Amino acid sequence: MDTNTILYIAVAVIVGLILGVVISKSLGKSKASKIISEAQSESKTILKQAKSDAESLKKDKILQAKEKFIELKAEHEKVILSRDKKMAEAEKRIRDKESQISNELSKAKKSNQSLEDKIKDYDFRLEFVEKKKDELEKAHRSQIKQLEVISGLSAEEAKEQLVESLKEEAKTDAMAFVQDRVEEAKLTAQQEAKKIIINTIQRIGTEEAIDNCVSVFNIESDDVKGRIIGREGRNIRAIEAATGVEIIVDDTPEAIILSCFDSVRREIARLSLHKLVTDGRIHPARIEEIVRKTRKQIEQEIIEVGKRTVIDLGIHGLHPELIKMVGRMKYRSSYGQNLLQHSREVAKLCGVMAAELGLNPKLAKRAGLLHDIGKVPDAEADVETPHAILGMKWAEKHGEKPEVCNAIGAHHDEIEMTTLLSPIIQVCDAISGARPGARRQVLDSYIQRLKDLEAVAFGFNGVKKAYAIQAGRELRVIVESEKVSDDKAASLSFEISQKIQTDMTYPGQVKVTVIRETRAVNIAK
């Protein structure tokens, strides 16, 4: 029995005794004895019930203990089975290793035996070769003695005579070779001289192209290059997409190169990069915002430049669109000469000449300033229309006088001159362009040739990118590795070179390099 049952019985007995004492005092002995007997019988019933409950509780506890023992026994058996299984697997691995080692040992024994056999065979062959070598030397000495007896000369004397005859023959052949080379040099001297001149011109062309098509953005340290490139190149791609400028990040210390034919776009890219690097926040969304603000700033600056120019020249009543075109001349060069400076110079020359001839100097300045507005890039302009005709059409569209329009359109003899103002514009344009140091090279035709070279490459399937470099002396073509195999890349280089050779006119020679690259990129997170 548990403690609660015993306490319960004890309490019941004590209560019964107390009740018996109390009742015996208050009642008579007969009644008291009756009540005591009833209490005793009830206490016996309680004791009997308590014993029964205790036995039942004891059986339950024993049953629970048996179940717990069976459960622990089953778990123990599982652990033992798992250990036995692991031991069996370990024994199997050990047996496999032993079997593998025995196989390797047998193979090694066989290999050693084969090596020993080969060594023995080699020794035998080496001995045979030595014997043959001795026999050949004896036969060679015997033949030399026989030849000396027949010729009446020793071996050394025969060698000297042979060397002398070879020297004379070599001198004769050398003289003939030199004579042929001299004759050939005389025939090709002029052609080689032309090649040297052409190569020199091409090198100069490269320098001038760099001056006019490339800007250098200076940075404080090379660490900034990584931030400009961004993760997987996303920042540099965003800048190129937003500005239309090619950004070249190479080993040049503390510098990034911006390359574009449009100087306005190049200036927007340069200022945007400066703002991004200064701010420090460089990501695609920020890049688009900065480029948008910089473009507005440049457009406003273009208008301000145009206004200052017309005020400096004393020109009034010019249409806002024409003022904007005048401002854009600041970012345009013509044959290496800044277009705005050239137009200002022509305007001043026209004013002086018109005053000397008794014509209207203000009208002459107006025509001189606007004579090259057709060279300013415009998305809607027809690129095949001469710039003089294009400028005349724009002037007519924006309400300029017929004399000014005719002077603009006729300064390169595209149309007939109808006023005295037209030849003045033509003459002053020639004076400004012909003075020493004004112009350096025909940049437009040079750029067009580069564009034509790249266009030829894009005419073939699988070409991803094409770049004309080295002043047009090399065309570098990048192809898609999925579409063009290595063998196809070689044939593609030949086909492009043949296409250039038949369809284009160019100085010197053009090297065509086809690059096929395969990249595998994964990111560790």
Protein backbone atom coordinates (compact mmCIF):
# COMPACT_ATOMS: atom_id res chain seq x y z
CA MET A 1 0.00 0.00 0.00
CA ASP A 2 1.09 3.52 -0.69
CA THR A 3 1.45 6.33 1.85
CA ASN A 4 -1.87 8.00 0.97
CA THR A 5 -3.85 4.77 1.66
CA ILE A 6 -2.16 4.22 5.03
CA LEU A 7 -2.82 7.80 6.07
CA TYR A 8 -6.38 7.44 4.94
CA ILE A 9 -6.88 4.27 7.14
CA ALA A 10 -5.15 5.85 10.12
CA VAL A 11 -7.34 8.91 9.94
CA ALA A 12 -10.42 6.73 9.65
CA VAL A 13 -9.44 4.70 12.77
CA ILE A 14 -8.62 7.80 14.82
CA VAL A 15 -11.89 9.44 13.82
CA GLY A 16 -13.75 6.25 14.77
CA LEU A 17 -12.12 6.11 18.18
CA ILE A 18 -12.80 9.76 18.89
CA LEU A 19 -16.38 9.36 17.84
CA GLY A 20 -16.63 6.28 20.10
CA VAL A 21 -15.30 8.17 23.11
CA VAL A 22 -17.55 11.12 22.45
CA ILE A 23 -20.62 8.99 21.95
CA SER A 24 -19.86 6.85 24.99
CA LYS A 25 -19.77 9.89 27.19
CA SER A 26 -22.87 11.45 25.79
CA LEU A 27 -24.92 8.27 25.43
CA GLY A 28 -25.23 5.19 27.37
CA LYS A 29 -22.91 2.24 27.26
CA SER A 30 -25.28 0.11 25.18
CA LYS A 31 -25.69 2.71 22.54
CA ALA A 32 -22.06 3.51 22.70
CA SER A 33 -21.02 -0.09 22.21
CA LYS A 34 -23.45 -0.36 19.30
CA ILE A 35 -22.04 2.71 17.61
CA ILE A 36 -18.47 1.52 18.27
CA SER A 37 -19.23 -1.87 16.74
CA GLU A 38 -20.72 -0.15 13.69
CA ALA A 39 -17.66 2.07 13.46
CA GLN A 40 -15.39 -0.94 13.75
CA SER A 41 -17.27 -2.79 11.04
CA GLU A 42 -17.13 0.29 8.81
CA SER A 43 -13.39 0.67 9.49
CA LYS A 44 -12.92 -2.99 8.55
CA THR A 45 -14.86 -2.34 5.34
CA ILE A 46 -12.64 0.68 4.65
CA LEU A 47 -9.51 -1.38 5.40
CA LYS A 48 -10.70 -4.14 3.12
CA GLN A 49 -11.45 -1.63 0.36
CA ALA A 50 -8.07 0.01 0.90
CA LYS A 51 -6.32 -3.36 0.65
CA SER A 52 -8.23 -4.09 -2.56
CA ASP A 53 -7.25 -0.70 -4.04
CA ALA A 54 -3.67 -1.24 -2.96
CA GLU A 55 -3.54 -4.64 -4.65
CA SER A 56 -5.04 -3.19 -7.83
CA LEU A 57 -2.53 -0.32 -7.77
CA LYS A 58 0.31 -2.78 -7.19
CA LYS A 59 -0.74 -4.88 -10.19
CA ASP A 60 -0.91 -1.74 -12.37
CA LYS A 61 2.56 -0.66 -11.30
CA ILE A 62 3.97 -4.15 -11.95
CA LEU A 63 2.32 -4.19 -15.38
CA GLN A 64 3.77 -0.76 -16.21
CA ALA A 65 7.19 -1.90 -15.05
CA LYS A 66 6.98 -4.96 -17.30
CA GLU A 67 5.96 -2.83 -20.29
CA LYS A 68 8.83 -0.40 -19.62
CA PHE A 69 11.26 -3.33 -19.37
CA ILE A 70 10.02 -4.76 -22.67
CA GLU A 71 10.36 -1.35 -24.35
CA LEU A 72 13.92 -0.85 -23.01
CA LYS A 73 14.80 -4.37 -24.07
CA ALA A 74 13.53 -3.72 -27.65
CA GLU A 75 15.57 -0.47 -27.87
CA HIS A 76 18.64 -2.29 -26.57
CA GLU A 77 18.18 -4.98 -29.19
CA LYS A 78 17.90 -2.32 -31.92
CA VAL A 79 21.16 -0.73 -30.77
CA ILE A 80 22.86 -4.11 -30.76
CA LEU A 81 21.51 -4.89 -34.28
CA SER A 82 22.74 -1.51 -35.55
CA ARG A 83 26.21 -2.14 -34.10
CA ASP A 84 26.28 -5.58 -35.64
CA LYS A 85 25.30 -4.13 -39.03
CA LYS A 86 28.04 -1.46 -38.86
CA MET A 87 30.59 -4.06 -37.83
CA ALA A 88 29.54 -6.24 -40.76
CA GLU A 89 29.87 -3.32 -43.17
CA ALA A 90 33.31 -2.44 -41.76
CA GLU A 91 34.41 -6.04 -42.11
CA LYS A 92 33.17 -6.06 -45.73
CA ARG A 93 35.10 -2.85 -46.52
CA ILE A 94 38.22 -4.30 -44.94
CA ARG A 95 37.87 -7.46 -47.02
CA ASP A 96 37.38 -5.36 -50.19
CA LYS A 97 40.48 -3.31 -49.36
CA GLU A 98 42.49 -6.47 -48.75
CA SER A 99 41.29 -7.87 -52.07
CA GLN A 100 42.16 -4.63 -53.89
CA ILE A 101 45.60 -4.49 -52.28
CA SER A 102 46.31 -8.08 -53.21
CA ASN A 103 45.29 -7.33 -56.82
CA GLU A 104 47.56 -4.26 -56.88
CA LEU A 105 50.43 -6.33 -55.49
CA SER A 106 49.97 -8.98 -58.14
CA LYS A 107 49.89 -6.32 -60.86
CA ALA A 108 53.04 -4.72 -59.42
CA LYS A 109 54.79 -8.07 -59.43
CA LYS A 110 53.81 -8.63 -63.05
CA SER A 111 54.96 -5.08 -63.96
CA ASN A 112 58.32 -5.64 -62.23
CA GLN A 113 58.78 -8.89 -64.07
CA SER A 114 57.94 -7.19 -67.40
CA LEU A 115 60.36 -4.34 -66.62
CA GLU A 116 63.15 -6.76 -65.79
CA ASP A 117 62.54 -8.57 -69.08
CA LYS A 118 62.69 -5.26 -70.98
CA ILE A 119 65.93 -4.28 -69.23
CA LYS A 120 67.51 -7.58 -70.18
CA ASP A 121 66.33 -7.13 -73.78
CA TYR A 122 67.69 -3.56 -73.84
CA ASP A 123 71.08 -4.69 -72.52
CA PHE A 124 71.24 -7.35 -75.20
CA ARG A 125 70.36 -4.84 -77.95
CA LEU A 126 72.84 -2.28 -76.62
CA GLU A 127 75.61 -4.87 -76.73
CA PHE A 128 74.60 -5.77 -80.30
CA VAL A 129 74.64 -2.08 -81.35
CA GLU A 130 78.11 -1.58 -79.84
CA LYS A 131 79.40 -4.50 -81.84
CA LYS A 132 77.88 -3.12 -85.06
CA LYS A 133 79.35 0.32 -84.32
CA ASP A 134 82.87 -1.14 -83.98
CA GLU A 135 82.44 -3.04 -87.24
CA LEU A 136 81.27 0.16 -89.05
CA GLU A 137 84.23 2.17 -87.75
CA LYS A 138 86.65 -0.49 -88.96
CA ALA A 139 84.96 -0.53 -92.40
CA HIS A 140 85.02 3.32 -92.55
CA ARG A 141 88.78 3.46 -91.77
CA SER A 142 89.42 0.78 -94.37
CA GLN A 143 87.49 2.74 -97.04
CA ILE A 144 89.35 5.99 -96.20
CA LYS A 145 92.71 4.20 -96.63
CA GLN A 146 91.57 2.79 -99.97
CA LEU A 147 90.41 6.28 -101.16
CA GLU A 148 93.72 7.85 -100.09
CA VAL A 149 95.64 5.23 -102.07
CA ILE A 150 93.45 5.71 -105.16
CA SER A 151 93.44 9.58 -105.11
CA GLY A 152 96.96 10.07 -103.90
CA LEU A 153 95.65 12.62 -101.29
CA SER A 154 95.27 12.40 -97.56
CA ALA A 155 91.90 12.97 -95.89
CA GLU A 156 92.89 16.45 -94.62
CA GLU A 157 94.06 17.58 -98.07
CA ALA A 158 90.81 16.37 -99.64
CA LYS A 159 88.79 18.34 -97.03
CA GLU A 160 90.73 21.54 -97.75
CA GLN A 161 90.14 21.23 -101.51
CA LEU A 162 86.42 20.60 -100.95
CA VAL A 163 86.11 23.66 -98.65
CA GLU A 164 87.84 25.93 -101.17
CA SER A 165 85.55 24.82 -104.00
CA LEU A 166 82.46 25.37 -101.79
CA LYS A 167 83.67 28.89 -100.89
CA GLU A 168 84.02 29.88 -104.54
CA GLU A 169 80.59 28.48 -105.36
CA ALA A 170 79.01 30.28 -102.39
CA LYS A 171 80.57 33.61 -103.43
CA THR A 172 79.18 33.26 -106.94
CA ASP A 173 75.67 32.41 -105.65
CA ALA A 174 75.79 35.28 -103.12
CA MET A 175 76.74 37.81 -105.77
CA ALA A 176 73.90 36.63 -108.00
CA PHE A 177 71.44 36.80 -105.07
CA VAL A 178 72.56 40.34 -104.13
CA GLN A 179 72.24 41.47 -107.75
CA ASP A 180 68.68 40.09 -107.94
CA ARG A 181 67.70 41.78 -104.65
CA VAL A 182 69.11 45.12 -105.82
CA GLU A 183 67.13 44.93 -109.06
CA GLU A 184 63.99 44.00 -107.16
CA ALA A 185 64.54 46.84 -104.67
CA LYS A 186 64.84 49.32 -107.54
CA LEU A 187 61.53 48.12 -108.96
CA THR A 188 59.68 48.18 -105.62
CA ALA A 189 61.33 51.23 -104.03
CA GLN A 190 58.57 53.60 -105.10
CA GLN A 191 55.85 51.22 -103.87
CA GLU A 192 57.59 50.75 -100.50
CA ALA A 193 57.98 54.51 -100.13
CA LYS A 194 54.24 54.91 -100.68
CA LYS A 195 53.55 52.31 -98.01
CA ILE A 196 55.74 54.17 -95.53
CA ILE A 197 53.92 57.42 -96.25
CA ILE A 198 50.51 55.73 -95.90
CA ASN A 199 51.48 54.13 -92.57
CA THR A 200 52.66 57.53 -91.31
CA ILE A 201 49.34 59.11 -92.32
CA GLN A 202 47.45 56.33 -90.56
CA ARG A 203 49.38 56.91 -87.33
CA ILE A 204 48.63 60.60 -87.47
CA GLY A 205 44.99 59.71 -88.15
CA THR A 206 44.94 57.59 -85.00
CA GLU A 207 46.22 60.46 -82.87
CA GLU A 208 43.73 62.94 -84.32
CA ALA A 209 40.87 60.44 -83.91
CA ILE A 210 41.80 60.00 -80.26
CA ASP A 211 41.83 63.77 -79.77
CA ASN A 212 38.38 64.17 -81.36
CA CYS A 213 36.58 60.97 -80.30
CA VAL A 214 37.98 60.13 -76.86
CA SER A 215 37.80 61.81 -73.44
CA VAL A 216 39.82 60.80 -70.38
CA PHE A 217 38.06 60.73 -66.99
CA ASN A 218 40.61 60.98 -64.16
CA ILE A 219 39.97 59.19 -60.85
CA GLU A 220 41.70 59.35 -57.48
CA SER A 221 42.54 55.63 -57.23
CA ASP A 222 42.05 52.41 -59.18
CA ASP A 223 39.58 51.18 -56.49
CA VAL A 224 36.97 53.46 -58.06
CA LYS A 225 37.15 51.39 -61.27
CA GLY A 226 35.62 48.40 -59.52
CA ARG A 227 32.73 50.49 -58.20
CA ILE A 228 32.11 51.96 -61.65
CA ILE A 229 32.07 48.48 -63.22
CA GLY A 230 29.75 47.13 -60.53
CA ARG A 231 28.75 43.57 -59.75
CA GLU A 232 28.96 41.49 -62.94
CA GLY A 233 29.38 44.76 -64.86
CA ARG A 234 25.84 46.03 -64.23
CA ASN A 235 26.91 49.63 -63.42
CA ILE A 236 29.07 50.10 -66.52
CA ARG A 237 26.33 48.59 -68.71
CA ALA A 238 23.79 50.97 -67.18
CA ILE A 239 26.06 53.98 -67.87
CA GLU A 240 26.68 52.91 -71.47
CA ALA A 241 22.97 52.29 -72.06
CA ALA A 242 21.95 55.64 -70.54
CA THR A 243 24.60 57.78 -72.29
CA GLY A 244 25.37 55.89 -75.51
CA VAL A 245 29.09 56.16 -74.79
CA GLU A 246 31.58 53.27 -74.72
CA ILE A 247 33.47 53.18 -71.41
CA ILE A 248 36.91 51.57 -71.57
CA VAL A 249 38.36 50.45 -68.22
CA ASP A 250 41.88 49.15 -68.79
CA ASP A 251 45.25 49.15 -67.03
CA THR A 252 45.72 52.90 -67.48
CA PRO A 253 46.48 54.15 -63.94
CA GLU A 254 43.88 56.44 -62.36
CA ALA A 255 42.03 57.01 -65.64
CA ILE A 256 38.95 55.76 -67.52
CA ILE A 257 38.51 56.35 -71.26
CA LEU A 258 35.18 57.53 -72.72
CA SER A 259 34.82 56.84 -76.45
CA CYS A 260 32.07 58.22 -78.68
CA PHE A 261 31.80 60.14 -81.97
CA ASP A 262 29.16 62.46 -80.45
CA SER A 263 30.99 64.91 -78.19
CA VAL A 264 27.74 65.96 -76.45
CA ARG A 265 27.05 62.41 -75.31
CA ARG A 266 30.69 62.10 -74.28
CA GLU A 267 30.48 65.25 -72.15
CA ILE A 268 27.25 64.01 -70.52
CA ALA A 269 28.97 60.73 -69.63
CA ARG A 270 32.03 62.54 -68.22
CA LEU A 271 29.99 64.87 -65.99
CA SER A 272 27.71 62.02 -64.87
CA LEU A 273 30.70 59.89 -63.87
CA HIS A 274 32.16 62.83 -61.94
CA LYS A 275 28.90 63.30 -60.01
CA LEU A 276 28.53 59.56 -59.30
CA VAL A 277 32.10 59.17 -58.05
CA THR A 278 31.82 62.31 -55.90
CA ASP A 279 28.48 61.17 -54.44
CA GLY A 280 29.65 57.59 -53.88
CA ARG A 281 26.27 55.96 -54.57
CA ILE A 282 26.73 54.07 -57.83
CA HIS A 283 23.90 51.73 -58.89
CA PRO A 284 21.66 51.50 -62.01
CA ALA A 285 18.76 53.55 -60.62
CA ARG A 286 21.08 56.30 -59.39
CA ILE A 287 22.98 56.26 -62.68
CA GLU A 288 19.80 56.85 -64.71
CA GLU A 289 18.79 59.69 -62.40
CA ILE A 290 22.21 61.41 -62.60
CA VAL A 291 22.41 61.02 -66.40
CA ARG A 292 18.94 62.49 -66.78
CA LYS A 293 19.85 65.50 -64.64
CA THR A 294 23.21 65.94 -66.42
CA ARG A 295 21.54 65.83 -69.83
CA LYS A 296 19.20 68.62 -68.74
CA GLN A 297 22.18 70.57 -67.42
CA ILE A 298 24.09 70.18 -70.72
CA GLU A 299 21.02 71.20 -72.72
CA GLN A 300 20.71 74.31 -70.58
CA GLU A 301 24.43 75.01 -70.99
CA ILE A 302 24.09 74.62 -74.79
CA ILE A 303 21.34 77.26 -74.78
CA GLU A 304 23.46 79.59 -72.61
CA VAL A 305 26.48 79.18 -74.95
CA GLY A 306 24.27 79.99 -77.94
CA LYS A 307 22.88 83.08 -76.24
CA ARG A 308 26.33 84.37 -75.25
CA THR A 309 27.62 83.80 -78.79
CA VAL A 310 24.84 85.77 -80.51
CA ILE A 311 25.15 88.57 -77.92
CA ASP A 312 28.93 88.78 -78.44
CA LEU A 313 28.44 89.05 -82.21
CA GLY A 314 25.62 91.60 -81.92
CA ILE A 315 23.02 89.36 -83.61
CA HIS A 316 19.39 89.87 -82.55
CA GLY A 317 16.06 88.12 -83.16
CA LEU A 318 17.50 84.64 -83.76
CA HIS A 319 15.02 81.77 -83.36
CA PRO A 320 15.49 79.76 -80.09
CA GLU A 321 16.06 76.53 -82.05
CA LEU A 322 18.82 78.18 -84.06
CA ILE A 323 20.36 79.51 -80.82
CA LYS A 324 20.33 75.95 -79.49
CA MET A 325 22.07 74.70 -82.67
CA VAL A 326 24.71 77.40 -82.28
CA GLY A 327 25.33 76.22 -78.71
CA ARG A 328 25.67 72.61 -79.87
CA MET A 329 28.50 73.70 -82.18
CA LYS A 330 30.71 73.89 -79.07
CA TYR A 331 30.69 70.09 -78.92
CA ARG A 332 31.29 69.49 -82.63
CA SER A 333 34.53 69.57 -84.63
CA SER A 334 34.95 69.89 -88.39
CA TYR A 335 38.19 68.53 -89.85
CA GLY A 336 39.79 68.87 -86.43
CA GLN A 337 38.58 72.49 -86.03
CA ASN A 338 36.04 73.39 -83.35
CA LEU A 339 32.82 74.25 -85.19
CA LEU A 340 31.73 77.06 -82.85
CA GLN A 341 35.12 78.79 -83.01
CA HIS A 342 35.15 78.38 -86.80
CA SER A 343 31.62 79.85 -87.13
CA ARG A 344 32.46 82.81 -84.85
CA GLU A 345 35.60 83.47 -86.89
CA VAL A 346 33.67 83.31 -90.19
CA ALA A 347 31.00 85.65 -88.77
CA LYS A 348 33.61 88.25 -87.77
CA LEU A 349 35.38 87.96 -91.15
CA CYS A 350 32.04 88.35 -92.96
CA GLY A 351 31.20 91.45 -90.93
CA VAL A 352 34.55 93.08 -91.78
CA MET A 353 34.34 92.18 -95.48
CA ALA A 354 30.69 93.27 -95.82
CA ALA A 355 31.53 96.62 -94.20
CA GLU A 356 34.41 97.11 -96.64
CA LEU A 357 32.08 96.38 -99.59
CA GLY A 358 29.30 98.64 -98.30
CA LEU A 359 26.89 95.76 -97.47
CA ASN A 360 24.94 95.06 -94.27
CA PRO A 361 27.57 93.75 -91.74
CA LYS A 362 24.94 92.46 -89.25
CA LEU A 363 23.27 90.35 -91.95
CA ALA A 364 26.68 89.04 -93.06
CA LYS A 365 27.55 88.10 -89.45
CA ARG A 366 24.22 86.31 -89.14
CA ALA A 367 24.87 84.25 -92.31
CA GLY A 368 28.49 83.58 -91.29
CA LEU A 369 27.46 82.26 -87.87
CA LEU A 370 24.74 79.98 -89.32
CA HIS A 371 26.58 78.75 -92.44
CA ASP A 372 27.59 75.37 -90.86
CA ILE A 373 24.52 74.58 -88.70
CA GLY A 374 23.84 71.66 -91.05
CA LYS A 375 26.84 69.90 -89.48
CA VAL A 376 25.22 69.82 -86.04
CA PRO A 377 23.90 66.25 -85.44
CA ASP A 378 20.14 65.90 -85.50
CA ALA A 379 18.17 62.67 -85.10
CA GLU A 380 15.67 63.67 -87.79
CA ALA A 381 18.26 64.90 -90.32
CA ASP A 382 18.92 63.11 -93.59
CA VAL A 383 22.57 62.05 -93.36
CA GLU A 384 22.93 61.91 -97.16
CA THR A 385 21.89 65.55 -97.65
CA PRO A 386 24.86 67.98 -97.89
CA HIS A 387 25.25 70.04 -94.75
CA ALA A 388 24.90 73.33 -96.68
CA ILE A 389 21.47 72.33 -98.07
CA LEU A 390 20.42 70.96 -94.68
CA GLY A 391 21.43 74.20 -92.94
CA MET A 392 19.57 76.25 -95.55
CA LYS A 393 16.38 74.22 -94.95
CA TRP A 394 16.63 74.72 -91.19
CA ALA A 395 17.19 78.45 -91.64
CA GLU A 396 14.14 78.71 -93.91
CA LYS A 397 12.09 76.68 -91.44
CA HIS A 398 12.92 79.10 -88.62
CA GLY A 399 12.17 82.29 -90.53
CA GLU A 400 15.57 83.56 -91.69
CA LYS A 401 15.75 86.05 -94.61
CA PRO A 402 16.20 84.72 -98.19
CA GLU A 403 19.65 86.35 -98.46
CA VAL A 404 20.88 84.46 -95.36
CA CYS A 405 19.34 81.17 -96.54
CA ASN A 406 20.92 81.48 -99.99
CA ALA A 407 24.33 82.27 -98.47
CA ILE A 408 24.12 79.18 -96.24
CA GLY A 409 23.06 76.86 -99.07
CA ALA A 410 25.53 78.21 -101.67
CA HIS A 411 28.77 78.39 -99.64
CA HIS A 412 29.87 75.05 -101.15
CA ASP A 413 28.25 75.70 -104.58
CA GLU A 414 25.39 73.22 -103.98
CA ILE A 415 22.95 75.87 -105.28
CA GLU A 416 23.30 79.02 -107.37
CA MET A 417 24.30 82.27 -105.62
CA THR A 418 21.62 84.96 -105.90
CA THR A 419 23.01 87.73 -103.64
CA LEU A 420 26.37 89.41 -102.99
CA LEU A 421 26.27 87.99 -99.46
CA SER A 422 26.76 84.39 -100.70
CA PRO A 423 30.31 84.74 -102.15
CA ILE A 424 31.38 86.64 -99.02
CA ILE A 425 30.33 83.67 -96.87
CA GLN A 426 32.11 81.25 -99.20
CA VAL A 427 35.35 83.26 -99.19
CA CYS A 428 35.39 83.79 -95.41
CA ASP A 429 34.69 80.08 -94.82
CA ALA A 430 37.71 79.24 -97.00
CA ILE A 431 39.89 81.81 -95.20
CA SER A 432 39.00 80.40 -91.77
CA GLY A 433 39.62 76.80 -92.82
CA ALA A 434 42.79 77.48 -94.85
CA ARG A 435 44.77 79.51 -92.35
CA PRO A 436 47.80 77.68 -90.86
CA GLY A 437 46.89 75.38 -87.96
CA ALA A 438 43.14 75.64 -88.42
CA ARG A 439 42.43 72.13 -89.71
CA ARG A 440 44.32 68.88 -89.44
CA GLN A 441 42.60 66.03 -91.24
CA VAL A 442 39.41 64.99 -92.98
CA LEU A 443 37.88 63.45 -89.85
CA ASP A 444 34.42 62.82 -91.30
CA SER A 445 35.67 60.55 -94.08
CA TYR A 446 37.94 58.78 -91.62
CA ILE A 447 35.06 58.10 -89.21
CA GLN A 448 32.85 56.96 -92.09
CA ARG A 449 35.51 54.45 -93.15
CA LEU A 450 35.61 53.05 -89.62
CA LYS A 451 31.83 52.73 -89.58
CA ASP A 452 31.88 51.00 -92.98
CA LEU A 453 34.49 48.53 -91.71
CA GLU A 454 32.29 47.63 -88.72
CA ALA A 455 29.21 47.39 -90.97
CA VAL A 456 30.95 44.80 -93.18
CA ALA A 457 31.55 42.57 -90.13
CA PHE A 458 27.93 42.88 -88.97
CA GLY A 459 26.81 41.58 -92.36
CA PHE A 460 27.86 38.03 -91.36
CA ASN A 461 25.87 35.65 -89.15
CA GLY A 462 27.05 35.07 -85.59
CA VAL A 463 28.85 38.41 -85.22
CA LYS A 464 28.10 39.94 -81.82
CA LYS A 465 30.36 43.01 -81.79
CA ALA A 466 32.81 44.63 -84.20
CA TYR A 467 35.39 47.31 -83.47
CA ALA A 468 37.64 49.15 -85.96
CA ILE A 469 40.91 49.93 -84.15
CA GLN A 470 44.47 50.97 -84.96
CA ALA A 471 43.25 53.83 -87.17
CA GLY A 472 41.27 51.37 -89.27
CA ARG A 473 44.20 49.02 -89.82
CA GLU A 474 42.60 46.27 -87.71
CA LEU A 475 39.03 45.03 -87.44
CA ARG A 476 38.36 43.11 -84.24
CA VAL A 477 35.25 40.92 -84.46
CA ILE A 478 33.65 39.20 -81.44
CA VAL A 479 31.37 36.28 -82.34
CA GLU A 480 28.78 34.28 -80.40
CA SER A 481 30.32 31.01 -79.22
CA GLU A 482 26.99 29.15 -79.58
CA LYS A 483 26.62 30.02 -83.26
CA VAL A 484 30.26 30.05 -84.46
CA SER A 485 32.69 27.17 -83.91
CA ASP A 486 36.49 27.46 -83.86
CA ASP A 487 36.74 26.21 -87.45
CA LYS A 488 33.98 28.57 -88.54
CA ALA A 489 35.78 31.49 -86.84
CA ALA A 490 38.85 30.91 -89.00
CA SER A 491 36.81 30.81 -92.21
CA LEU A 492 34.78 33.84 -91.05
CA SER A 493 37.99 35.88 -90.68
CA PHE A 494 38.94 35.01 -94.27
CA GLU A 495 35.46 35.80 -95.63
CA ILE A 496 35.37 39.22 -93.89
CA SER A 497 38.84 40.10 -95.20
CA GLN A 498 37.79 39.17 -98.75
CA LYS A 499 34.61 41.24 -98.41
CA ILE A 500 36.64 44.28 -97.27
CA GLN A 501 39.11 43.77 -100.07
CA THR A 502 36.43 43.70 -102.79
CA ASP A 503 33.94 46.29 -101.45
CA MET A 504 36.06 48.99 -99.80
CA THR A 505 38.82 51.43 -100.69
CA TYR A 506 41.43 51.94 -97.96
CA PRO A 507 45.14 52.76 -97.56
CA GLY A 508 47.59 50.03 -96.55
CA GLN A 509 46.11 46.80 -95.26
CA VAL A 510 43.40 45.75 -92.79
CA LYS A 511 43.97 42.94 -90.30
CA VAL A 512 40.81 40.98 -89.40
CA THR A 513 40.85 39.33 -85.97
CA VAL A 514 37.93 37.07 -85.00
CA ILE A 515 37.58 36.35 -81.27
CA ARG A 516 35.46 33.47 -79.98
CA GLU A 517 35.12 33.30 -76.21
CA THR A 518 33.18 30.92 -73.95
CA ARG A 519 32.38 32.01 -70.39
CA ALA A 520 30.97 30.04 -67.47
CA VAL A 521 29.76 32.26 -64.61
CA ASN A 522 28.45 31.07 -61.24
CA ILE A 523 27.79 33.00 -58.04
CA ALA A 524 28.74 31.77 -54.56
CA LYS A 525 26.18 33.02 -52.03
